[in-house]
Every structure is written in structure tokens, then in C-alpha cells.
Amino acid sequence: MLGILLYVLVYTHWLKRHSTQNIVLGGAAGAIPPLVGWAAVTGDLSWTAWCLFAIVLLWTPPHFWALAMMLKDDYASVDVPMLPVVAGNETTTRQIFGYTLLLVPVTLLLVYPLQATNWLYPVVAIALGGIFIYKAWVLMQSPSDLALARSLFKYSIIYMMLLSIGLIVDRLCFY
């Protein structure tokens, strides 16, 4: 319920229209489902659950800001202060790169110190994370190239899907 309230009341009605950091803060609402799922299955909220929350939270800005770069004119026309509209693509791509650099090591917290995975997940996380960092770096070098923004956006979806599948397969097959 907290996730729904955060999304509807805080993100949609307040943050989206008033802050360039709307995606960062609003990402907390999108990161609550892993907590809900974990609590429903285990009955608690361990550090592993909070790590999953952090992964989704840190993934959200690179994902949505790449999309916002492509839709910059649309956001501007309806006065939504998305980061590319207010601060420009250069600042946005630096933020995308910074969040991506934070995201990848956080995914590895599931390996150490949490020891929630076996050998497959870290291989998947490192490979996928390396590609994500590379794509964010390339976009930062050419912030006006919307084809690169589109490529990063599409990859971010594949990244989260494959990272999740890697975690599931690791847990199901090697524990």
C-alpha cells in the first residue's frame, strides 16, 4: 500500500511536476515491489530484500532519463521538469553514468557480503553491468545522440530482465 501511495500521491501529484529529481525520488515507489514480494514469501525484510530495493532504485534513473531524453520536447510542452528539459542532455548523461556506476557494485552486494547467490549470478551481473556502464559512457560522450539514448533505454529493460533471470536461475539451480 505504501508503494501505491508513494506513486500516486507523492510521485504523480507532487514530484513529477515540481522536481528534476522526480525519477530518483519516485523510483522508491517502483522499488517497493521486491520488498513486498520478499516479505510475502519470507515474513521479514532482510538485507537481501533491501539490496533488491536498492538495485531497482538505482536502475530507475538511467532507465527513465534515457527515455526522457528522447521525449524531452513532449515533457517540456506539458511543463514536466524532467532532468533533460531543465538541465540539458549533458547533465542528464553525466547523471545516467553516475547512477550506472553506483548500480553495478550494488548488484554485487548480493554476492558479498550478503552471500545470497552462488557463482552464476555474479557472472551475469558483471557481464550485464559492464555493458550497461559502457553504453552509459558512450552516451555521455555524445549526449545529443538520441539513437544512443534509445539504445541505452532498450538495454536497461533487457538488463533488468536478464539480471532478474540470472538471480532466479542461480537460486533455483545452484542452491
C-alpha atoms as a PDB file:
ATOM      1  CA  MET A   1       0.000   0.000   0.000  1.00  0.00           C
ATOM      2  CA  LEU A   2       2.903   2.335   0.765  1.00  0.00           C
ATOM      3  CA  GLY A   3       4.203   1.862  -2.775  1.00  0.00           C
ATOM      4  CA  ILE A   4       0.848   2.789  -4.282  1.00  0.00           C
ATOM      5  CA  LEU A   5       0.507   5.838  -2.037  1.00  0.00           C
ATOM      6  CA  LEU A   6       4.055   6.977  -2.805  1.00  0.00           C
ATOM      7  CA  TYR A   7       3.481   6.568  -6.534  1.00  0.00           C
ATOM      8  CA  VAL A   8       0.050   8.194  -6.726  1.00  0.00           C
ATOM      9  CA  LEU A   9       0.326  10.934  -4.126  1.00  0.00           C
ATOM     10  CA  VAL A  10       3.995  11.786  -3.807  1.00  0.00           C
ATOM     11  CA  TYR A  11       5.404  10.994  -7.259  1.00  0.00           C
ATOM     12  CA  THR A  12       2.474  11.652  -9.617  1.00  0.00           C
ATOM     13  CA  HIS A  13       0.828  14.610  -7.890  1.00  0.00           C
ATOM     14  CA  TRP A  14       3.840  16.343  -6.395  1.00  0.00           C
ATOM     15  CA  LEU A  15       7.321  15.271  -7.518  1.00  0.00           C
ATOM     16  CA  LYS A  16       6.596  14.797 -11.210  1.00  0.00           C
ATOM     17  CA  ARG A  17       5.545  18.412 -11.593  1.00  0.00           C
ATOM     18  CA  HIS A  18       7.963  20.062  -9.170  1.00  0.00           C
ATOM     19  CA  SER A  19      11.397  18.461  -9.221  1.00  0.00           C
ATOM     20  CA  THR A  20      14.040  17.412 -11.731  1.00  0.00           C
ATOM     21  CA  GLN A  21      14.794  14.597  -9.303  1.00  0.00           C
ATOM     22  CA  ASN A  22      11.266  13.207  -9.670  1.00  0.00           C
ATOM     23  CA  ILE A  23      12.586   9.953 -11.152  1.00  0.00           C
ATOM     24  CA  VAL A  24      15.107   9.430  -8.358  1.00  0.00           C
ATOM     25  CA  LEU A  25      12.638  10.005  -5.555  1.00  0.00           C
ATOM     26  CA  GLY A  26       9.734   8.438  -7.408  1.00  0.00           C
ATOM     27  CA  GLY A  27      11.882   5.387  -8.069  1.00  0.00           C
ATOM     28  CA  ALA A  28      11.370   4.414  -4.436  1.00  0.00           C
ATOM     29  CA  ALA A  29       7.746   3.617  -5.251  1.00  0.00           C
ATOM     30  CA  GLY A  30       8.851   1.364  -8.086  1.00  0.00           C
ATOM     31  CA  ALA A  31      11.397  -0.326  -5.842  1.00  0.00           C
ATOM     32  CA  ILE A  32       8.857  -1.356  -3.205  1.00  0.00           C
ATOM     33  CA  PRO A  33       7.516  -4.468  -5.028  1.00  0.00           C
ATOM     34  CA  PRO A  34      10.674  -6.506  -4.300  1.00  0.00           C
ATOM     35  CA  LEU A  35      10.190  -5.701  -0.604  1.00  0.00           C
ATOM     36  CA  VAL A  36       6.550  -6.742  -0.774  1.00  0.00           C
ATOM     37  CA  GLY A  37       7.368  -9.990  -2.558  1.00  0.00           C
ATOM     38  CA  TRP A  38      10.183 -10.800  -0.165  1.00  0.00           C
ATOM     39  CA  ALA A  39       8.036 -10.111   2.898  1.00  0.00           C
ATOM     40  CA  ALA A  40       5.161 -12.160   1.471  1.00  0.00           C
ATOM     41  CA  VAL A  41       7.405 -15.201   0.960  1.00  0.00           C
ATOM     42  CA  THR A  42       9.712 -14.968   3.980  1.00  0.00           C
ATOM     43  CA  GLY A  43       7.739 -12.942   6.509  1.00  0.00           C
ATOM     44  CA  ASP A  44      10.599 -10.481   7.046  1.00  0.00           C
ATOM     45  CA  LEU A  45      12.662  -7.785   5.344  1.00  0.00           C
ATOM     46  CA  SER A  46      16.254  -8.955   5.353  1.00  0.00           C
ATOM     47  CA  TRP A  47      19.267  -7.079   3.998  1.00  0.00           C
ATOM     48  CA  THR A  48      18.854  -9.088   0.788  1.00  0.00           C
ATOM     49  CA  ALA A  49      15.378  -7.623   0.298  1.00  0.00           C
ATOM     50  CA  TRP A  50      16.732  -4.108   0.862  1.00  0.00           C
ATOM     51  CA  CYS A  51      19.513  -4.793  -1.633  1.00  0.00           C
ATOM     52  CA  LEU A  52      16.904  -5.745  -4.249  1.00  0.00           C
ATOM     53  CA  PHE A  53      15.096  -2.496  -3.401  1.00  0.00           C
ATOM     54  CA  ALA A  54      18.362  -0.557  -3.914  1.00  0.00           C
ATOM     55  CA  ILE A  55      19.006  -2.247  -7.258  1.00  0.00           C
ATOM     56  CA  VAL A  56      15.635  -1.170  -8.642  1.00  0.00           C
ATOM     57  CA  LEU A  57      16.007   2.292  -7.094  1.00  0.00           C
ATOM     58  CA  LEU A  58      19.426   2.875  -8.704  1.00  0.00           C
ATOM     59  CA  TRP A  59      18.363   1.343 -12.028  1.00  0.00           C
ATOM     60  CA  THR A  60      15.371   3.679 -12.369  1.00  0.00           C
ATOM     61  CA  PRO A  61      17.184   6.978 -13.140  1.00  0.00           C
ATOM     62  CA  PRO A  62      19.354   5.687 -16.018  1.00  0.00           C
ATOM     63  CA  HIS A  63      16.343   3.853 -17.417  1.00  0.00           C
ATOM     64  CA  PHE A  64      13.888   6.761 -17.309  1.00  0.00           C
ATOM     65  CA  TRP A  65      16.298   9.588 -18.050  1.00  0.00           C
ATOM     66  CA  ALA A  66      17.328   7.874 -21.284  1.00  0.00           C
ATOM     67  CA  LEU A  67      13.634   7.756 -22.194  1.00  0.00           C
ATOM     68  CA  ALA A  68      13.169  11.359 -21.054  1.00  0.00           C
ATOM     69  CA  MET A  69      15.987  12.452 -23.381  1.00  0.00           C
ATOM     70  CA  MET A  70      14.016  11.022 -26.303  1.00  0.00           C
ATOM     71  CA  LEU A  71      10.771  12.639 -25.102  1.00  0.00           C
ATOM     72  CA  LYS A  72      12.325  15.916 -23.985  1.00  0.00           C
ATOM     73  CA  ASP A  73      10.095  18.110 -26.169  1.00  0.00           C
ATOM     74  CA  ASP A  74       6.949  16.314 -25.005  1.00  0.00           C
ATOM     75  CA  TYR A  75       7.874  16.800 -21.343  1.00  0.00           C
ATOM     76  CA  ALA A  76       8.718  20.454 -21.972  1.00  0.00           C
ATOM     77  CA  SER A  77       5.389  21.075 -23.729  1.00  0.00           C
ATOM     78  CA  VAL A  78       3.440  19.916 -20.661  1.00  0.00           C
ATOM     79  CA  ASP A  79       5.748  21.599 -18.129  1.00  0.00           C
ATOM     80  CA  VAL A  80       7.095  18.419 -16.545  1.00  0.00           C
ATOM     81  CA  PRO A  81      10.569  19.339 -15.251  1.00  0.00           C
ATOM     82  CA  MET A  82      12.395  16.200 -16.305  1.00  0.00           C
ATOM     83  CA  LEU A  83      16.160  16.492 -15.960  1.00  0.00           C
ATOM     84  CA  PRO A  84      16.869  16.730 -19.719  1.00  0.00           C
ATOM     85  CA  VAL A  85      14.322  19.559 -20.027  1.00  0.00           C
ATOM     86  CA  VAL A  86      15.694  21.627 -17.147  1.00  0.00           C
ATOM     87  CA  ALA A  87      19.402  20.768 -17.094  1.00  0.00           C
ATOM     88  CA  GLY A  88      20.046  19.536 -20.644  1.00  0.00           C
ATOM     89  CA  ASN A  89      21.371  16.321 -22.095  1.00  0.00           C
ATOM     90  CA  GLU A  90      24.964  16.803 -20.933  1.00  0.00           C
ATOM     91  CA  THR A  91      23.984  16.927 -17.264  1.00  0.00           C
ATOM     92  CA  THR A  92      21.490  14.108 -17.776  1.00  0.00           C
ATOM     93  CA  THR A  93      24.067  11.806 -19.345  1.00  0.00           C
ATOM     94  CA  ARG A  94      26.511  12.505 -16.501  1.00  0.00           C
ATOM     95  CA  GLN A  95      23.781  11.585 -14.033  1.00  0.00           C
ATOM     96  CA  ILE A  96      22.951   8.443 -16.022  1.00  0.00           C
ATOM     97  CA  PHE A  97      26.608   7.430 -15.956  1.00  0.00           C
ATOM     98  CA  GLY A  98      26.929   8.145 -12.229  1.00  0.00           C
ATOM     99  CA  TYR A  99      23.863   6.115 -11.303  1.00  0.00           C
ATOM    100  CA  THR A 100      25.029   3.260 -13.509  1.00  0.00           C
ATOM    101  CA  LEU A 101      28.400   3.298 -11.750  1.00  0.00           C
ATOM    102  CA  LEU A 102      26.559   3.050  -8.412  1.00  0.00           C
ATOM    103  CA  LEU A 103      24.158   0.371  -9.617  1.00  0.00           C
ATOM    104  CA  VAL A 104      26.679  -2.235 -10.718  1.00  0.00           C
ATOM    105  CA  PRO A 105      28.532  -2.626  -7.386  1.00  0.00           C
ATOM    106  CA  VAL A 106      25.212  -2.672  -5.523  1.00  0.00           C
ATOM    107  CA  THR A 107      24.127  -5.674  -7.613  1.00  0.00           C
ATOM    108  CA  LEU A 108      27.244  -7.436  -6.351  1.00  0.00           C
ATOM    109  CA  LEU A 109      26.285  -6.921  -2.704  1.00  0.00           C
ATOM    110  CA  LEU A 110      24.043  -9.950  -3.212  1.00  0.00           C
ATOM    111  CA  VAL A 111      27.253 -11.927  -3.700  1.00  0.00           C
ATOM    112  CA  TYR A 112      29.300 -10.359  -0.929  1.00  0.00           C
ATOM    113  CA  PRO A 113      28.639  -9.600   1.883  1.00  0.00           C
ATOM    114  CA  LEU A 114      25.067 -10.940   1.678  1.00  0.00           C
ATOM    115  CA  GLN A 115      26.034 -14.333   0.192  1.00  0.00           C
ATOM    116  CA  ALA A 116      22.567 -14.657  -1.350  1.00  0.00           C
ATOM    117  CA  THR A 117      23.864 -16.167  -4.603  1.00  0.00           C
ATOM    118  CA  ASN A 118      26.167 -18.800  -5.975  1.00  0.00           C
ATOM    119  CA  TRP A 119      28.555 -18.490  -8.953  1.00  0.00           C
ATOM    120  CA  LEU A 120      26.125 -17.846 -11.849  1.00  0.00           C
ATOM    121  CA  TYR A 121      24.600 -14.575 -10.667  1.00  0.00           C
ATOM    122  CA  PRO A 122      27.887 -12.669 -10.240  1.00  0.00           C
ATOM    123  CA  VAL A 123      28.983 -13.722 -13.730  1.00  0.00           C
ATOM    124  CA  VAL A 124      25.689 -12.457 -15.150  1.00  0.00           C
ATOM    125  CA  ALA A 125      25.736  -9.273 -13.027  1.00  0.00           C
ATOM    126  CA  ILE A 126      29.309  -8.374 -14.017  1.00  0.00           C
ATOM    127  CA  ALA A 127      28.740  -9.044 -17.726  1.00  0.00           C
ATOM    128  CA  LEU A 128      25.458  -7.135 -17.884  1.00  0.00           C
ATOM    129  CA  GLY A 129      26.789  -4.341 -15.679  1.00  0.00           C
ATOM    130  CA  GLY A 130      29.873  -3.928 -17.858  1.00  0.00           C
ATOM    131  CA  ILE A 131      27.692  -3.464 -20.927  1.00  0.00           C
ATOM    132  CA  PHE A 132      25.447  -1.001 -19.059  1.00  0.00           C
ATOM    133  CA  ILE A 133      28.447   1.070 -17.934  1.00  0.00           C
ATOM    134  CA  TYR A 134      29.865   1.039 -21.465  1.00  0.00           C
ATOM    135  CA  LYS A 135      26.559   2.182 -23.006  1.00  0.00           C
ATOM    136  CA  ALA A 136      26.204   4.946 -20.389  1.00  0.00           C
ATOM    137  CA  TRP A 137      29.794   6.044 -21.078  1.00  0.00           C
ATOM    138  CA  VAL A 138      29.221   6.153 -24.833  1.00  0.00           C
ATOM    139  CA  LEU A 139      26.024   8.181 -24.350  1.00  0.00           C
ATOM    140  CA  MET A 140      27.865  10.603 -22.063  1.00  0.00           C
ATOM    141  CA  GLN A 141      30.431  11.152 -24.846  1.00  0.00           C
ATOM    142  CA  SER A 142      27.641  12.059 -27.325  1.00  0.00           C
ATOM    143  CA  PRO A 143      24.780  13.489 -25.245  1.00  0.00           C
ATOM    144  CA  SER A 144      22.851  14.799 -28.238  1.00  0.00           C
ATOM    145  CA  ASP A 145      22.713  11.388 -29.952  1.00  0.00           C
ATOM    146  CA  LEU A 146      19.169  10.242 -29.285  1.00  0.00           C
ATOM    147  CA  ALA A 147      19.835   6.909 -31.002  1.00  0.00           C
ATOM    148  CA  LEU A 148      22.330   6.189 -28.210  1.00  0.00           C
ATOM    149  CA  ALA A 149      19.744   7.243 -25.619  1.00  0.00           C
ATOM    150  CA  ARG A 150      17.235   4.868 -27.229  1.00  0.00           C
ATOM    151  CA  SER A 151      19.815   2.089 -27.222  1.00  0.00           C
ATOM    152  CA  LEU A 152      20.551   2.646 -23.518  1.00  0.00           C
ATOM    153  CA  PHE A 153      16.842   2.754 -22.695  1.00  0.00           C
ATOM    154  CA  LYS A 154      16.171  -0.515 -24.506  1.00  0.00           C
ATOM    155  CA  TYR A 155      19.219  -2.132 -22.956  1.00  0.00           C
ATOM    156  CA  SER A 156      18.135  -1.055 -19.468  1.00  0.00           C
ATOM    157  CA  ILE A 157      14.959  -3.110 -19.894  1.00  0.00           C
ATOM    158  CA  ILE A 158      16.918  -6.137 -21.094  1.00  0.00           C
ATOM    159  CA  TYR A 159      19.443  -5.585 -18.298  1.00  0.00           C
ATOM    160  CA  MET A 160      16.846  -5.722 -15.523  1.00  0.00           C
ATOM    161  CA  MET A 161      15.115  -8.720 -17.076  1.00  0.00           C
ATOM    162  CA  LEU A 162      18.329 -10.733 -17.537  1.00  0.00           C
ATOM    163  CA  LEU A 163      19.707  -9.723 -14.142  1.00  0.00           C
ATOM    164  CA  SER A 164      16.498 -10.977 -12.533  1.00  0.00           C
ATOM    165  CA  ILE A 165      16.535 -14.189 -14.560  1.00  0.00           C
ATOM    166  CA  GLY A 166      20.182 -14.705 -13.637  1.00  0.00           C
ATOM    167  CA  LEU A 167      19.320 -14.365  -9.952  1.00  0.00           C
ATOM    168  CA  ILE A 168      16.378 -16.759 -10.233  1.00  0.00           C
ATOM    169  CA  VAL A 169      18.331 -19.397 -12.164  1.00  0.00           C
ATOM    170  CA  ASP A 170      21.257 -19.069  -9.752  1.00  0.00           C
ATOM    171  CA  ARG A 171      18.948 -19.619  -6.774  1.00  0.00           C
ATOM    172  CA  LEU A 172      16.909 -22.433  -8.329  1.00  0.00           C
ATOM    173  CA  CYS A 173      19.740 -24.418  -9.884  1.00  0.00           C
ATOM    174  CA  PHE A 174      22.647 -23.976  -7.518  1.00  0.00           C
ATOM    175  CA  TYR A 175      21.124 -23.995  -4.018  1.00  0.00           C
END
